Amino acid sequence: MNWNYLEHADQLNQLINESADTTILIFKHSTRCNISRATLDRLERNWKDAEVPNIKPYFLDLLSYRSISNSIADQFQVEHQSPQVLIIRRGKSIYDNSHYGIDFSEIREKAKR
């Protein structure tokens, strides 16, 4: 999985602009959480083994960049969770889920629409 790392606040505007033409996935990860690690591992395993539609994946280490995580929650009107996945299309969150609710097949289905 070729992650694009969210490390600067201005990248949020960039990915919103990109979402006009490309489906964006944001994975918010806590490096101190075993559930987050397990969920990330499962997502990356499935990503490698499956044909993935046109999704550009972004990775956010929310412990290092909590202010960006807060901006994501505000911008897309979702409650902050960790781990958390959002799918962004045309500047709006069309899917968000957290913890063991993060499901690769759901992500793939949402991205197809």
Protein backbone atom coordinates (compact mmCIF):
# COMPACT_ATOMS: atom_id res chain seq x y z
CA MET A 1 0.00 0.00 0.00
CA ASN A 2 1.52 3.29 -1.05
CA TRP A 3 0.55 5.72 1.68
CA ASN A 4 0.57 9.48 1.28
CA TYR A 5 1.43 10.87 4.70
CA LEU A 6 -0.65 13.69 6.17
CA GLU A 7 1.85 15.82 8.05
CA HIS A 8 0.87 19.41 7.21
CA ALA A 9 -2.44 21.19 7.72
CA ASP A 10 -2.45 22.53 4.15
CA GLN A 11 -2.52 18.97 2.82
CA LEU A 12 -6.12 18.73 3.99
CA ASN A 13 -7.17 21.39 1.45
CA GLN A 14 -5.09 19.61 -1.18
CA LEU A 15 -6.81 16.28 -0.63
CA ILE A 16 -10.24 17.96 -0.63
CA ASN A 17 -9.39 19.41 -4.05
CA GLU A 18 -8.12 16.02 -5.23
CA SER A 19 -11.38 14.41 -4.15
CA ALA A 20 -13.18 16.14 -7.05
CA ASP A 21 -11.60 13.58 -9.40
CA THR A 22 -10.19 10.89 -7.12
CA THR A 23 -11.63 8.93 -4.23
CA ILE A 24 -9.57 9.67 -1.12
CA LEU A 25 -9.10 7.34 1.85
CA ILE A 26 -7.84 8.72 5.16
CA PHE A 27 -6.60 6.27 7.79
CA LYS A 28 -6.17 7.83 11.23
CA HIS A 29 -3.76 5.69 13.24
CA SER A 30 -2.72 5.72 16.88
CA THR A 31 0.77 4.29 17.32
CA ARG A 32 -0.05 3.46 20.96
CA CYS A 33 -3.18 1.41 20.26
CA ASN A 34 -3.16 -2.35 19.62
CA ILE A 35 -6.57 -2.18 17.93
CA SER A 36 -5.27 0.50 15.58
CA ARG A 37 -2.22 -1.62 14.73
CA ALA A 38 -4.33 -4.73 14.08
CA THR A 39 -6.79 -2.78 11.95
CA LEU A 40 -3.99 -1.20 9.92
CA ASP A 41 -2.35 -4.61 9.37
CA ARG A 42 -5.66 -6.12 8.22
CA LEU A 43 -6.33 -3.22 5.84
CA GLU A 44 -2.85 -3.40 4.32
CA ARG A 45 -3.04 -7.20 3.88
CA ASN A 46 -6.39 -6.95 2.10
CA TRP A 47 -5.23 -4.03 0.00
CA LYS A 48 -2.32 -6.07 -1.37
CA ASP A 49 -4.43 -9.13 -2.09
CA ALA A 50 -7.32 -7.42 -3.85
CA GLU A 51 -7.91 -5.28 -6.86
CA VAL A 52 -8.44 -1.83 -5.40
CA PRO A 53 -10.43 0.75 -7.31
CA ASN A 54 -9.06 4.23 -7.84
CA ILE A 55 -8.42 5.26 -4.24
CA LYS A 56 -5.62 7.53 -3.09
CA PRO A 57 -4.75 6.52 0.50
CA TYR A 58 -3.61 9.03 3.11
CA PHE A 59 -2.13 8.01 6.46
CA LEU A 60 -2.33 10.20 9.56
CA ASP A 61 -0.31 9.48 12.70
CA LEU A 62 -2.78 11.21 14.95
CA LEU A 63 -0.51 11.27 17.99
CA SER A 64 2.04 13.33 16.08
CA TYR A 65 -0.52 15.39 14.19
CA ARG A 66 -3.53 15.66 16.48
CA SER A 67 -4.41 19.14 15.19
CA ILE A 68 -4.83 17.70 11.68
CA SER A 69 -7.04 14.95 13.11
CA ASN A 70 -9.17 17.61 14.81
CA SER A 71 -9.41 19.53 11.52
CA ILE A 72 -10.56 16.36 9.75
CA ALA A 73 -13.29 15.85 12.36
CA ASP A 74 -14.44 19.46 11.93
CA GLN A 75 -14.16 19.56 8.15
CA PHE A 76 -16.05 16.31 7.52
CA GLN A 77 -18.37 16.52 10.54
CA VAL A 78 -17.37 13.18 12.01
CA GLU A 79 -16.60 12.29 15.58
CA HIS A 80 -12.88 11.76 16.21
CA GLN A 81 -12.04 8.06 16.55
CA SER A 82 -8.88 6.00 16.51
CA PRO A 83 -8.36 4.04 14.42
CA GLN A 84 -10.67 5.60 11.87
CA VAL A 85 -11.16 5.46 8.12
CA LEU A 86 -12.87 8.12 6.04
CA ILE A 87 -13.61 8.02 2.34
CA ILE A 88 -13.78 11.45 0.78
CA ARG A 89 -15.43 12.19 -2.54
CA ARG A 90 -16.16 15.64 -3.95
CA GLY A 91 -15.12 17.26 -0.69
CA LYS A 92 -17.47 15.23 1.50
CA SER A 93 -17.08 12.17 3.69
CA ILE A 94 -19.14 9.39 2.12
CA TYR A 95 -17.99 6.73 4.62
CA ASP A 96 -16.43 6.65 8.03
CA ASN A 97 -15.91 3.83 10.42
CA SER A 98 -13.65 3.01 13.31
CA HIS A 99 -12.00 0.23 15.24
CA TYR A 100 -13.01 -3.28 14.11
CA GLY A 101 -15.86 -1.77 12.09
CA ILE A 102 -13.30 -0.84 9.43
CA ASP A 103 -14.03 -3.34 6.69
CA PHE A 104 -12.08 -3.58 3.44
CA SER A 105 -15.02 -4.93 1.44
CA GLU A 106 -17.16 -1.95 2.54
CA ILE A 107 -14.36 0.43 1.59
CA ARG A 108 -14.09 -1.17 -1.85
CA GLU A 109 -17.86 -1.02 -2.38
CA LYS A 110 -18.09 2.63 -1.34
CA ALA A 111 -15.19 3.52 -3.64
CA LYS A 112 -16.93 1.94 -6.65
CA ARG A 113 -19.95 4.24 -6.43
